[in-house]
């Protein structure tokens, strides 16, 4: 992925089909933060404010280097906003992201 991204989500926790908490890394200038926890509201607000979210994993011993997965986006499904990596998800769903 050549696109510049702002947040990498590496793990997620769901409750009743919605993201409760996501664990990831935030861009801080030219580097990334240590692990941070983001709740669903924070993710939605940041995506609305044009922050670019992706799924992925930090490469071991390589600081701010990641193996990037899919883009995370807000999708409207049956009148509700859904956080997903696909365009037709009925509930929050980040494909390939493990639960913690």
N, C-alpha and C. Protein backbone atom coordinates (compact mmCIF):
# COMPACT_ATOMS: atom_id res chain seq x y z
N UNK A 1 0.85 -1.18 0.00
CA UNK A 1 0.00 0.00 0.00
C UNK A 1 0.89 1.23 0.00
N UNK A 2 0.84 2.00 -1.06
CA UNK A 2 1.68 3.18 -1.19
C UNK A 2 1.06 4.38 -0.46
N UNK A 3 -0.20 4.30 -0.16
CA UNK A 3 -0.91 5.39 0.49
C UNK A 3 -0.40 5.60 1.92
N UNK A 4 -0.33 6.84 2.34
CA UNK A 4 0.06 7.16 3.70
C UNK A 4 -1.14 6.91 4.62
N UNK A 5 -0.91 6.27 5.74
CA UNK A 5 -1.99 5.97 6.68
C UNK A 5 -1.68 6.58 8.03
N UNK A 6 -2.75 6.80 8.81
CA UNK A 6 -2.62 7.47 10.10
C UNK A 6 -2.71 6.53 11.29
N UNK A 7 -3.47 5.44 11.15
CA UNK A 7 -3.68 4.50 12.25
C UNK A 7 -3.65 3.07 11.70
N UNK A 8 -2.93 2.19 12.41
CA UNK A 8 -2.89 0.77 12.07
C UNK A 8 -3.60 0.01 13.19
N UNK A 9 -4.64 -0.74 12.86
CA UNK A 9 -5.36 -1.55 13.86
C UNK A 9 -4.84 -2.98 13.79
N UNK A 10 -4.35 -3.49 14.94
CA UNK A 10 -3.78 -4.84 14.96
C UNK A 10 -4.65 -5.86 15.67
N UNK A 11 -5.57 -5.42 16.51
CA UNK A 11 -6.46 -6.34 17.23
C UNK A 11 -7.73 -5.59 17.60
N UNK A 12 -8.81 -6.35 17.78
CA UNK A 12 -10.10 -5.72 18.02
C UNK A 12 -10.92 -6.54 19.01
N UNK A 13 -11.81 -5.88 19.70
CA UNK A 13 -12.75 -6.55 20.62
C UNK A 13 -14.15 -6.12 20.24
N UNK A 14 -15.02 -7.12 20.01
CA UNK A 14 -16.41 -6.86 19.61
C UNK A 14 -17.37 -7.16 20.75
N UNK A 15 -18.51 -6.48 20.73
CA UNK A 15 -19.62 -6.80 21.63
C UNK A 15 -20.90 -6.51 20.88
N UNK A 16 -21.75 -7.52 20.75
CA UNK A 16 -23.04 -7.39 20.05
C UNK A 16 -22.90 -6.85 18.62
N UNK A 17 -21.89 -7.30 17.91
CA UNK A 17 -21.72 -6.91 16.51
C UNK A 17 -21.11 -5.54 16.29
N UNK A 18 -20.65 -4.89 17.35
CA UNK A 18 -20.00 -3.59 17.21
C UNK A 18 -18.62 -3.64 17.85
N UNK A 19 -17.70 -2.84 17.32
CA UNK A 19 -16.37 -2.75 17.91
C UNK A 19 -16.51 -2.08 19.27
N UNK A 20 -15.96 -2.73 20.27
CA UNK A 20 -15.92 -2.16 21.61
C UNK A 20 -14.62 -1.38 21.77
N UNK A 21 -13.50 -2.03 21.45
CA UNK A 21 -12.17 -1.45 21.56
C UNK A 21 -11.28 -2.01 20.46
N UNK A 22 -10.41 -1.18 19.95
CA UNK A 22 -9.41 -1.64 18.98
C UNK A 22 -8.04 -1.27 19.53
N UNK A 23 -7.07 -2.14 19.26
CA UNK A 23 -5.69 -1.88 19.68
C UNK A 23 -4.86 -1.60 18.44
N UNK A 24 -4.07 -0.55 18.49
CA UNK A 24 -3.28 -0.23 17.31
C UNK A 24 -2.22 0.81 17.58
N UNK A 25 -1.80 1.45 16.50
CA UNK A 25 -0.71 2.43 16.54
C UNK A 25 -1.14 3.67 15.78
N UNK A 26 -0.84 4.85 16.33
CA UNK A 26 -1.19 6.12 15.69
C UNK A 26 0.07 6.79 15.17
N UNK A 27 -0.07 7.42 14.01
CA UNK A 27 1.06 8.18 13.45
C UNK A 27 1.32 9.39 14.33
N UNK A 28 2.57 9.60 14.65
CA UNK A 28 3.02 10.77 15.41
C UNK A 28 4.17 11.40 14.64
N UNK A 29 3.84 12.24 13.68
CA UNK A 29 4.87 12.82 12.81
C UNK A 29 5.45 11.74 11.91
N UNK A 30 6.78 11.60 11.90
CA UNK A 30 7.40 10.61 11.01
C UNK A 30 7.41 9.19 11.57
N UNK A 31 6.93 9.00 12.78
CA UNK A 31 6.96 7.69 13.43
C UNK A 31 5.58 7.33 13.97
N UNK A 32 5.49 6.21 14.67
CA UNK A 32 4.22 5.76 15.24
C UNK A 32 4.34 5.61 16.75
N UNK A 33 3.20 5.69 17.41
CA UNK A 33 3.12 5.57 18.87
C UNK A 33 3.36 4.13 19.31
N UNK A 34 3.46 3.96 20.62
CA UNK A 34 3.35 2.63 21.19
C UNK A 34 1.90 2.22 21.03
N UNK A 35 1.55 1.04 21.49
CA UNK A 35 0.16 0.58 21.36
C UNK A 35 -0.80 1.54 22.06
N UNK A 36 -1.92 1.80 21.39
CA UNK A 36 -2.98 2.62 21.98
C UNK A 36 -4.29 1.87 21.86
N UNK A 37 -5.23 2.19 22.75
CA UNK A 37 -6.58 1.61 22.69
C UNK A 37 -7.53 2.69 22.19
N UNK A 38 -8.34 2.32 21.21
CA UNK A 38 -9.31 3.25 20.62
C UNK A 38 -10.70 2.67 20.77
N UNK A 39 -11.63 3.45 21.30
CA UNK A 39 -13.00 2.96 21.36
C UNK A 39 -13.71 3.27 20.03
N UNK A 40 -14.90 2.74 19.86
CA UNK A 40 -15.62 2.86 18.60
C UNK A 40 -15.87 4.32 18.23
N UNK A 41 -16.27 5.12 19.19
CA UNK A 41 -16.55 6.54 18.93
C UNK A 41 -15.31 7.26 18.42
N UNK A 42 -14.15 6.97 19.01
CA UNK A 42 -12.90 7.60 18.56
C UNK A 42 -12.58 7.22 17.12
N UNK A 43 -12.79 5.95 16.78
CA UNK A 43 -12.52 5.49 15.42
C UNK A 43 -13.43 6.19 14.43
N UNK A 44 -14.74 6.23 14.73
CA UNK A 44 -15.71 6.88 13.83
C UNK A 44 -15.35 8.36 13.66
N UNK A 45 -15.08 9.05 14.76
CA UNK A 45 -14.75 10.48 14.68
C UNK A 45 -13.51 10.73 13.84
N UNK A 46 -12.48 9.90 14.03
CA UNK A 46 -11.25 10.11 13.28
C UNK A 46 -11.41 9.80 11.79
N UNK A 47 -12.19 8.76 11.46
CA UNK A 47 -12.44 8.47 10.05
C UNK A 47 -13.23 9.61 9.41
N UNK A 48 -14.21 10.15 10.12
CA UNK A 48 -14.97 11.31 9.60
C UNK A 48 -14.07 12.51 9.39
N UNK A 49 -13.01 12.64 10.20
CA UNK A 49 -12.07 13.74 10.08
C UNK A 49 -10.93 13.43 9.12
N UNK A 50 -11.18 12.46 8.22
CA UNK A 50 -10.27 12.12 7.12
C UNK A 50 -8.98 11.42 7.54
N UNK A 51 -8.94 10.83 8.73
CA UNK A 51 -7.80 10.00 9.10
C UNK A 51 -7.91 8.68 8.35
N UNK A 52 -6.80 8.15 7.89
CA UNK A 52 -6.78 6.91 7.12
C UNK A 52 -6.42 5.76 8.06
N UNK A 53 -7.34 4.79 8.18
CA UNK A 53 -7.15 3.61 9.02
C UNK A 53 -6.88 2.40 8.13
N UNK A 54 -5.96 1.54 8.58
CA UNK A 54 -5.70 0.27 7.90
C UNK A 54 -5.56 -0.81 8.96
N UNK A 55 -5.69 -2.06 8.53
CA UNK A 55 -5.40 -3.17 9.41
C UNK A 55 -3.96 -3.58 9.17
N UNK A 56 -3.35 -4.24 10.15
CA UNK A 56 -1.98 -4.69 9.95
C UNK A 56 -1.31 -5.10 11.25
N UNK A 57 -0.05 -5.44 11.12
CA UNK A 57 0.77 -5.87 12.25
C UNK A 57 2.12 -5.17 12.18
N UNK A 58 2.66 -4.80 13.32
CA UNK A 58 4.00 -4.22 13.37
C UNK A 58 5.02 -5.32 13.12
N UNK A 59 6.01 -5.05 12.30
CA UNK A 59 7.08 -6.01 12.04
C UNK A 59 8.01 -6.02 13.24
N UNK A 60 8.30 -7.20 13.74
CA UNK A 60 9.12 -7.35 14.92
C UNK A 60 10.51 -6.76 14.72
N UNK A 61 10.95 -5.97 15.70
CA UNK A 61 12.26 -5.33 15.74
C UNK A 61 12.49 -4.30 14.62
N UNK A 62 11.43 -3.82 13.99
CA UNK A 62 11.58 -2.85 12.91
C UNK A 62 10.80 -1.56 13.17
N UNK A 63 10.64 -1.20 14.42
CA UNK A 63 10.03 0.07 14.84
C UNK A 63 8.75 0.41 14.10
N UNK A 64 8.76 1.44 13.27
CA UNK A 64 7.53 1.91 12.62
C UNK A 64 7.32 1.29 11.24
N UNK A 65 7.62 0.01 11.12
CA UNK A 65 7.42 -0.72 9.87
C UNK A 65 6.30 -1.74 10.09
N UNK A 66 5.33 -1.76 9.17
CA UNK A 66 4.14 -2.60 9.33
C UNK A 66 3.90 -3.48 8.13
N UNK A 67 3.28 -4.63 8.38
CA UNK A 67 2.68 -5.43 7.31
C UNK A 67 1.23 -4.95 7.23
N UNK A 68 0.87 -4.32 6.15
CA UNK A 68 -0.43 -3.68 6.02
C UNK A 68 -1.43 -4.63 5.37
N UNK A 69 -2.65 -4.61 5.93
CA UNK A 69 -3.74 -5.42 5.39
C UNK A 69 -4.68 -4.57 4.55
N UNK A 70 -5.91 -4.44 5.01
CA UNK A 70 -6.95 -3.75 4.24
C UNK A 70 -7.26 -2.38 4.83
N UNK A 71 -7.86 -1.53 4.02
CA UNK A 71 -8.32 -0.22 4.46
C UNK A 71 -9.58 -0.38 5.30
N UNK A 72 -9.71 0.46 6.31
CA UNK A 72 -10.89 0.46 7.18
C UNK A 72 -11.71 1.68 6.81
N UNK A 73 -13.02 1.48 6.67
CA UNK A 73 -13.89 2.58 6.26
C UNK A 73 -15.23 2.52 6.97
N UNK A 74 -15.94 3.64 6.91
CA UNK A 74 -17.32 3.72 7.41
C UNK A 74 -18.25 3.40 6.25
N UNK A 75 -19.14 2.46 6.47
CA UNK A 75 -20.10 2.04 5.46
C UNK A 75 -21.50 2.17 6.05
N UNK A 76 -22.45 2.67 5.27
CA UNK A 76 -23.83 2.75 5.73
C UNK A 76 -24.56 1.49 5.28
N UNK A 77 -25.10 0.76 6.26
CA UNK A 77 -25.84 -0.48 5.99
C UNK A 77 -27.17 -0.41 6.73
N UNK A 78 -28.27 -0.43 6.00
CA UNK A 78 -29.62 -0.32 6.58
C UNK A 78 -29.76 0.91 7.46
N UNK A 79 -29.17 2.02 7.05
CA UNK A 79 -29.29 3.27 7.79
C UNK A 79 -28.36 3.41 8.98
N UNK A 80 -27.50 2.42 9.21
CA UNK A 80 -26.55 2.49 10.33
C UNK A 80 -25.13 2.58 9.80
N UNK A 81 -24.27 3.27 10.54
CA UNK A 81 -22.86 3.33 10.17
C UNK A 81 -22.15 2.09 10.71
N UNK A 82 -21.37 1.48 9.86
CA UNK A 82 -20.65 0.26 10.19
C UNK A 82 -19.17 0.48 9.89
N UNK A 83 -18.29 0.04 10.78
CA UNK A 83 -16.85 0.10 10.56
C UNK A 83 -16.45 -1.24 9.96
N UNK A 84 -15.88 -1.19 8.75
CA UNK A 84 -15.62 -2.45 8.06
C UNK A 84 -14.46 -2.33 7.08
N UNK A 85 -13.95 -3.50 6.67
CA UNK A 85 -12.96 -3.55 5.61
C UNK A 85 -13.61 -3.93 4.28
N UNK A 86 -14.90 -4.23 4.29
CA UNK A 86 -15.62 -4.54 3.05
C UNK A 86 -16.80 -3.59 2.90
N UNK A 87 -17.30 -3.49 1.69
CA UNK A 87 -18.38 -2.53 1.41
C UNK A 87 -19.77 -3.00 1.78
N UNK A 88 -19.95 -4.29 2.06
CA UNK A 88 -21.30 -4.82 2.30
C UNK A 88 -21.46 -5.55 3.63
N UNK A 89 -20.71 -5.16 4.63
CA UNK A 89 -20.79 -5.81 5.94
C UNK A 89 -22.05 -5.36 6.69
N UNK A 90 -22.79 -6.29 7.29
CA UNK A 90 -24.00 -5.93 8.02
C UNK A 90 -23.71 -5.40 9.44
N UNK A 91 -22.50 -5.62 9.91
CA UNK A 91 -22.10 -5.15 11.26
C UNK A 91 -20.61 -4.82 11.22
N UNK A 92 -20.09 -4.26 12.30
CA UNK A 92 -18.66 -3.96 12.35
C UNK A 92 -17.86 -5.24 12.11
N UNK A 93 -16.93 -5.17 11.17
CA UNK A 93 -16.15 -6.36 10.85
C UNK A 93 -14.83 -5.97 10.21
N UNK A 94 -13.73 -6.30 10.86
CA UNK A 94 -12.40 -6.07 10.32
C UNK A 94 -11.81 -7.42 9.96
N UNK A 95 -11.83 -7.74 8.68
CA UNK A 95 -11.39 -9.05 8.21
C UNK A 95 -9.89 -9.26 8.48
N UNK A 96 -9.58 -10.43 9.03
CA UNK A 96 -8.19 -10.79 9.27
C UNK A 96 -7.58 -10.19 10.52
N UNK A 97 -8.36 -9.45 11.29
CA UNK A 97 -7.84 -8.84 12.51
C UNK A 97 -8.24 -9.71 13.69
N UNK A 98 -7.27 -10.19 14.46
CA UNK A 98 -7.59 -11.08 15.58
C UNK A 98 -8.27 -10.34 16.73
N UNK A 99 -9.02 -11.09 17.50
CA UNK A 99 -9.65 -10.56 18.70
C UNK A 99 -8.65 -10.56 19.84
N UNK A 100 -8.80 -9.65 20.79
CA UNK A 100 -7.96 -9.66 21.99
C UNK A 100 -8.82 -9.57 23.22
